[in-house]
Amino acid sequence: MSDARDIIVEAPVENVWSVLTDVNLIAKWFGEAEHDIDKLAPGGLMTFKFKQGSELYARIIEVEPLRVFSYRVISKVTDEEPTDANSRLIRFTLAPEGDKTRLGLEESNSHLDAIKALAENL
């Protein structure tokens, strides 16, 4: 992982899980796009169709209800296994803290990686 952070959400874990995995709620925070998840399980495919015509896909990697949800963002659907070399891993972790939730986000291959590599090699 290259970037990680966590925040406290003033809502129960069930609400946060729904925001991350319900296509109707994803549309409210991910952007103006049609969203679909063919199956909420490892190997499942998430599809994002944006109004300007572009599409983005993600292959689901981990699903531990109310605890972990991760996927790899890919530019096109192929038979090739998503890896750090051809995709970006997004991993959410959820942990109850009383009536609140600690929401963690880990992201590989972010723009920070490219900026760091370029700056260090100028």
C-alpha atoms as a PDB file:
ATOM      1  CA  MET A   1       0.000   0.000   0.000  1.00  0.00           C
ATOM      2  CA  SER A   2       1.235   3.450  -0.723  1.00  0.00           C
ATOM      3  CA  ASP A   3      -1.322   5.660   0.986  1.00  0.00           C
ATOM      4  CA  ALA A   4      -3.428   4.992   4.057  1.00  0.00           C
ATOM      5  CA  ARG A   5      -5.647   7.009   6.332  1.00  0.00           C
ATOM      6  CA  ASP A   6      -8.607   6.551   8.590  1.00  0.00           C
ATOM      7  CA  ILE A   7     -11.436   8.679   9.919  1.00  0.00           C
ATOM      8  CA  ILE A   8     -14.196   8.375  12.477  1.00  0.00           C
ATOM      9  CA  VAL A   9     -17.683   8.318  10.954  1.00  0.00           C
ATOM     10  CA  GLU A  10     -20.538   9.288  13.259  1.00  0.00           C
ATOM     11  CA  ALA A  11     -22.669   6.354  12.089  1.00  0.00           C
ATOM     12  CA  PRO A  12     -22.875   2.627  12.817  1.00  0.00           C
ATOM     13  CA  VAL A  13     -20.837   0.132  10.794  1.00  0.00           C
ATOM     14  CA  GLU A  14     -23.979  -1.074   8.983  1.00  0.00           C
ATOM     15  CA  ASN A  15     -24.590   2.403   7.527  1.00  0.00           C
ATOM     16  CA  VAL A  16     -20.983   2.811   6.401  1.00  0.00           C
ATOM     17  CA  TRP A  17     -20.995  -0.665   4.814  1.00  0.00           C
ATOM     18  CA  SER A  18     -24.139   0.233   2.868  1.00  0.00           C
ATOM     19  CA  VAL A  19     -22.558   3.452   1.580  1.00  0.00           C
ATOM     20  CA  LEU A  20     -19.569   1.447   0.289  1.00  0.00           C
ATOM     21  CA  THR A  21     -21.481  -1.444  -1.284  1.00  0.00           C
ATOM     22  CA  ASP A  22     -25.013  -0.343  -2.282  1.00  0.00           C
ATOM     23  CA  VAL A  23     -24.969   0.866  -5.909  1.00  0.00           C
ATOM     24  CA  ASN A  24     -27.654   3.461  -5.193  1.00  0.00           C
ATOM     25  CA  LEU A  25     -25.521   4.973  -2.435  1.00  0.00           C
ATOM     26  CA  ILE A  26     -22.209   4.662  -4.311  1.00  0.00           C
ATOM     27  CA  ALA A  27     -23.689   6.996  -6.932  1.00  0.00           C
ATOM     28  CA  LYS A  28     -24.054   9.687  -4.268  1.00  0.00           C
ATOM     29  CA  TRP A  29     -20.356   9.795  -3.336  1.00  0.00           C
ATOM     30  CA  PHE A  30     -18.405   8.337  -6.272  1.00  0.00           C
ATOM     31  CA  GLY A  31     -19.576  10.680  -8.988  1.00  0.00           C
ATOM     32  CA  GLU A  32     -22.270  11.173 -11.527  1.00  0.00           C
ATOM     33  CA  ALA A  33     -22.329   7.731 -13.071  1.00  0.00           C
ATOM     34  CA  GLU A  34     -24.435   4.627 -13.367  1.00  0.00           C
ATOM     35  CA  HIS A  35     -23.034   1.939 -11.081  1.00  0.00           C
ATOM     36  CA  ASP A  36     -23.454  -1.797 -11.112  1.00  0.00           C
ATOM     37  CA  ILE A  37     -22.042  -4.670  -9.076  1.00  0.00           C
ATOM     38  CA  ASP A  38     -22.669  -8.061 -10.662  1.00  0.00           C
ATOM     39  CA  LYS A  39     -21.933  -9.897  -7.397  1.00  0.00           C
ATOM     40  CA  LEU A  40     -20.698  -8.638  -4.053  1.00  0.00           C
ATOM     41  CA  ALA A  41     -18.019 -11.314  -3.704  1.00  0.00           C
ATOM     42  CA  PRO A  42     -14.389 -11.837  -4.674  1.00  0.00           C
ATOM     43  CA  GLY A  43     -14.207 -11.895  -8.470  1.00  0.00           C
ATOM     44  CA  GLY A  44     -17.302  -9.713  -8.820  1.00  0.00           C
ATOM     45  CA  LEU A  45     -17.240  -6.842 -11.284  1.00  0.00           C
ATOM     46  CA  MET A  46     -18.104  -3.230 -10.520  1.00  0.00           C
ATOM     47  CA  THR A  47     -18.990  -1.046 -13.517  1.00  0.00           C
ATOM     48  CA  PHE A  48     -19.080   2.762 -13.551  1.00  0.00           C
ATOM     49  CA  LYS A  49     -20.600   4.416 -16.637  1.00  0.00           C
ATOM     50  CA  PHE A  50     -20.082   8.172 -16.638  1.00  0.00           C
ATOM     51  CA  LYS A  51     -22.370  10.675 -18.368  1.00  0.00           C
ATOM     52  CA  GLN A  52     -19.661  11.834 -20.790  1.00  0.00           C
ATOM     53  CA  GLY A  53     -19.419   8.260 -22.110  1.00  0.00           C
ATOM     54  CA  SER A  54     -16.349   6.893 -20.341  1.00  0.00           C
ATOM     55  CA  GLU A  55     -16.403   3.698 -18.326  1.00  0.00           C
ATOM     56  CA  LEU A  56     -14.364   2.442 -15.395  1.00  0.00           C
ATOM     57  CA  TYR A  57     -14.290  -1.041 -13.925  1.00  0.00           C
ATOM     58  CA  ALA A  58     -13.180  -2.671 -10.716  1.00  0.00           C
ATOM     59  CA  ARG A  59     -12.646  -6.314  -9.831  1.00  0.00           C
ATOM     60  CA  ILE A  60     -13.726  -7.119  -6.262  1.00  0.00           C
ATOM     61  CA  ILE A  61     -10.911  -8.684  -4.237  1.00  0.00           C
ATOM     62  CA  GLU A  62     -12.132  -8.954  -0.628  1.00  0.00           C
ATOM     63  CA  VAL A  63     -15.563  -8.929   0.984  1.00  0.00           C
ATOM     64  CA  GLU A  64     -15.872  -9.430   4.721  1.00  0.00           C
ATOM     65  CA  PRO A  65     -19.285  -7.949   5.485  1.00  0.00           C
ATOM     66  CA  LEU A  66     -19.136  -5.008   7.881  1.00  0.00           C
ATOM     67  CA  ARG A  67     -15.302  -5.331   8.088  1.00  0.00           C
ATOM     68  CA  VAL A  68     -13.400  -5.231   4.771  1.00  0.00           C
ATOM     69  CA  PHE A  69     -14.220  -4.296   1.173  1.00  0.00           C
ATOM     70  CA  SER A  70     -11.513  -4.085  -1.468  1.00  0.00           C
ATOM     71  CA  TYR A  71     -11.314  -3.894  -5.216  1.00  0.00           C
ATOM     72  CA  ARG A  72      -8.834  -3.228  -7.998  1.00  0.00           C
ATOM     73  CA  VAL A  73      -9.655  -0.434 -10.431  1.00  0.00           C
ATOM     74  CA  ILE A  74      -9.009  -1.448 -14.044  1.00  0.00           C
ATOM     75  CA  SER A  75      -9.435   0.467 -17.299  1.00  0.00           C
ATOM     76  CA  LYS A  76     -10.943  -2.426 -19.241  1.00  0.00           C
ATOM     77  CA  VAL A  77     -12.254  -5.885 -18.510  1.00  0.00           C
ATOM     78  CA  THR A  78      -9.865  -8.657 -19.582  1.00  0.00           C
ATOM     79  CA  ASP A  79      -9.009 -12.185 -18.532  1.00  0.00           C
ATOM     80  CA  GLU A  80      -5.752 -10.836 -17.109  1.00  0.00           C
ATOM     81  CA  GLU A  81      -5.551 -10.973 -13.310  1.00  0.00           C
ATOM     82  CA  PRO A  82      -5.488  -7.457 -11.793  1.00  0.00           C
ATOM     83  CA  THR A  83      -2.149  -6.774 -10.078  1.00  0.00           C
ATOM     84  CA  ASP A  84      -0.181  -3.764  -8.844  1.00  0.00           C
ATOM     85  CA  ALA A  85       1.314  -3.572 -12.329  1.00  0.00           C
ATOM     86  CA  ASN A  86      -2.023  -3.042 -14.109  1.00  0.00           C
ATOM     87  CA  SER A  87      -4.488  -1.731 -11.520  1.00  0.00           C
ATOM     88  CA  ARG A  88      -5.004   0.321  -8.383  1.00  0.00           C
ATOM     89  CA  LEU A  89      -6.028  -1.450  -5.174  1.00  0.00           C
ATOM     90  CA  ILE A  90      -8.617   0.309  -3.026  1.00  0.00           C
ATOM     91  CA  ARG A  91      -9.160  -1.292   0.395  1.00  0.00           C
ATOM     92  CA  PHE A  92     -11.686  -0.100   2.972  1.00  0.00           C
ATOM     93  CA  THR A  93     -11.662  -1.362   6.552  1.00  0.00           C
ATOM     94  CA  LEU A  94     -14.434  -0.773   9.071  1.00  0.00           C
ATOM     95  CA  ALA A  95     -14.265  -1.112  12.839  1.00  0.00           C
ATOM     96  CA  PRO A  96     -16.997  -0.240  15.310  1.00  0.00           C
ATOM     97  CA  GLU A  97     -16.120   2.284  17.994  1.00  0.00           C
ATOM     98  CA  GLY A  98     -19.210   2.453  20.176  1.00  0.00           C
ATOM     99  CA  ASP A  99     -21.975   3.867  17.980  1.00  0.00           C
ATOM    100  CA  LYS A 100     -19.395   5.232  15.509  1.00  0.00           C
ATOM    101  CA  THR A 101     -17.196   3.609  12.855  1.00  0.00           C
ATOM    102  CA  ARG A 102     -13.486   3.875  12.187  1.00  0.00           C
ATOM    103  CA  LEU A 103     -13.235   3.836   8.389  1.00  0.00           C
ATOM    104  CA  GLY A 104      -9.823   3.107   6.912  1.00  0.00           C
ATOM    105  CA  LEU A 105      -8.744   3.578   3.320  1.00  0.00           C
ATOM    106  CA  GLU A 106      -5.603   2.100   1.781  1.00  0.00           C
ATOM    107  CA  GLU A 107      -4.727   2.805  -1.839  1.00  0.00           C
ATOM    108  CA  SER A 108      -1.927   1.463  -4.021  1.00  0.00           C
ATOM    109  CA  ASN A 109      -0.549   3.097  -7.139  1.00  0.00           C
ATOM    110  CA  SER A 110      -1.937   6.515  -6.317  1.00  0.00           C
ATOM    111  CA  HIS A 111      -0.736   9.674  -8.036  1.00  0.00           C
ATOM    112  CA  LEU A 112       1.554  10.189  -5.047  1.00  0.00           C
ATOM    113  CA  ASP A 113       3.627   7.177  -6.187  1.00  0.00           C
ATOM    114  CA  ALA A 114       4.205   8.701  -9.622  1.00  0.00           C
ATOM    115  CA  ILE A 115       4.961  12.158  -8.208  1.00  0.00           C
ATOM    116  CA  LYS A 116       7.436  10.680  -5.721  1.00  0.00           C
ATOM    117  CA  ALA A 117       9.209   8.582  -8.363  1.00  0.00           C
ATOM    118  CA  LEU A 118       9.456  11.476 -10.809  1.00  0.00           C
ATOM    119  CA  ALA A 119      10.678  13.986  -8.220  1.00  0.00           C
ATOM    120  CA  GLU A 120      13.281  11.567  -6.869  1.00  0.00           C
ATOM    121  CA  ASN A 121      14.645  10.887 -10.341  1.00  0.00           C
ATOM    122  CA  LEU A 122      14.869  14.431 -11.778  1.00  0.00           C
END
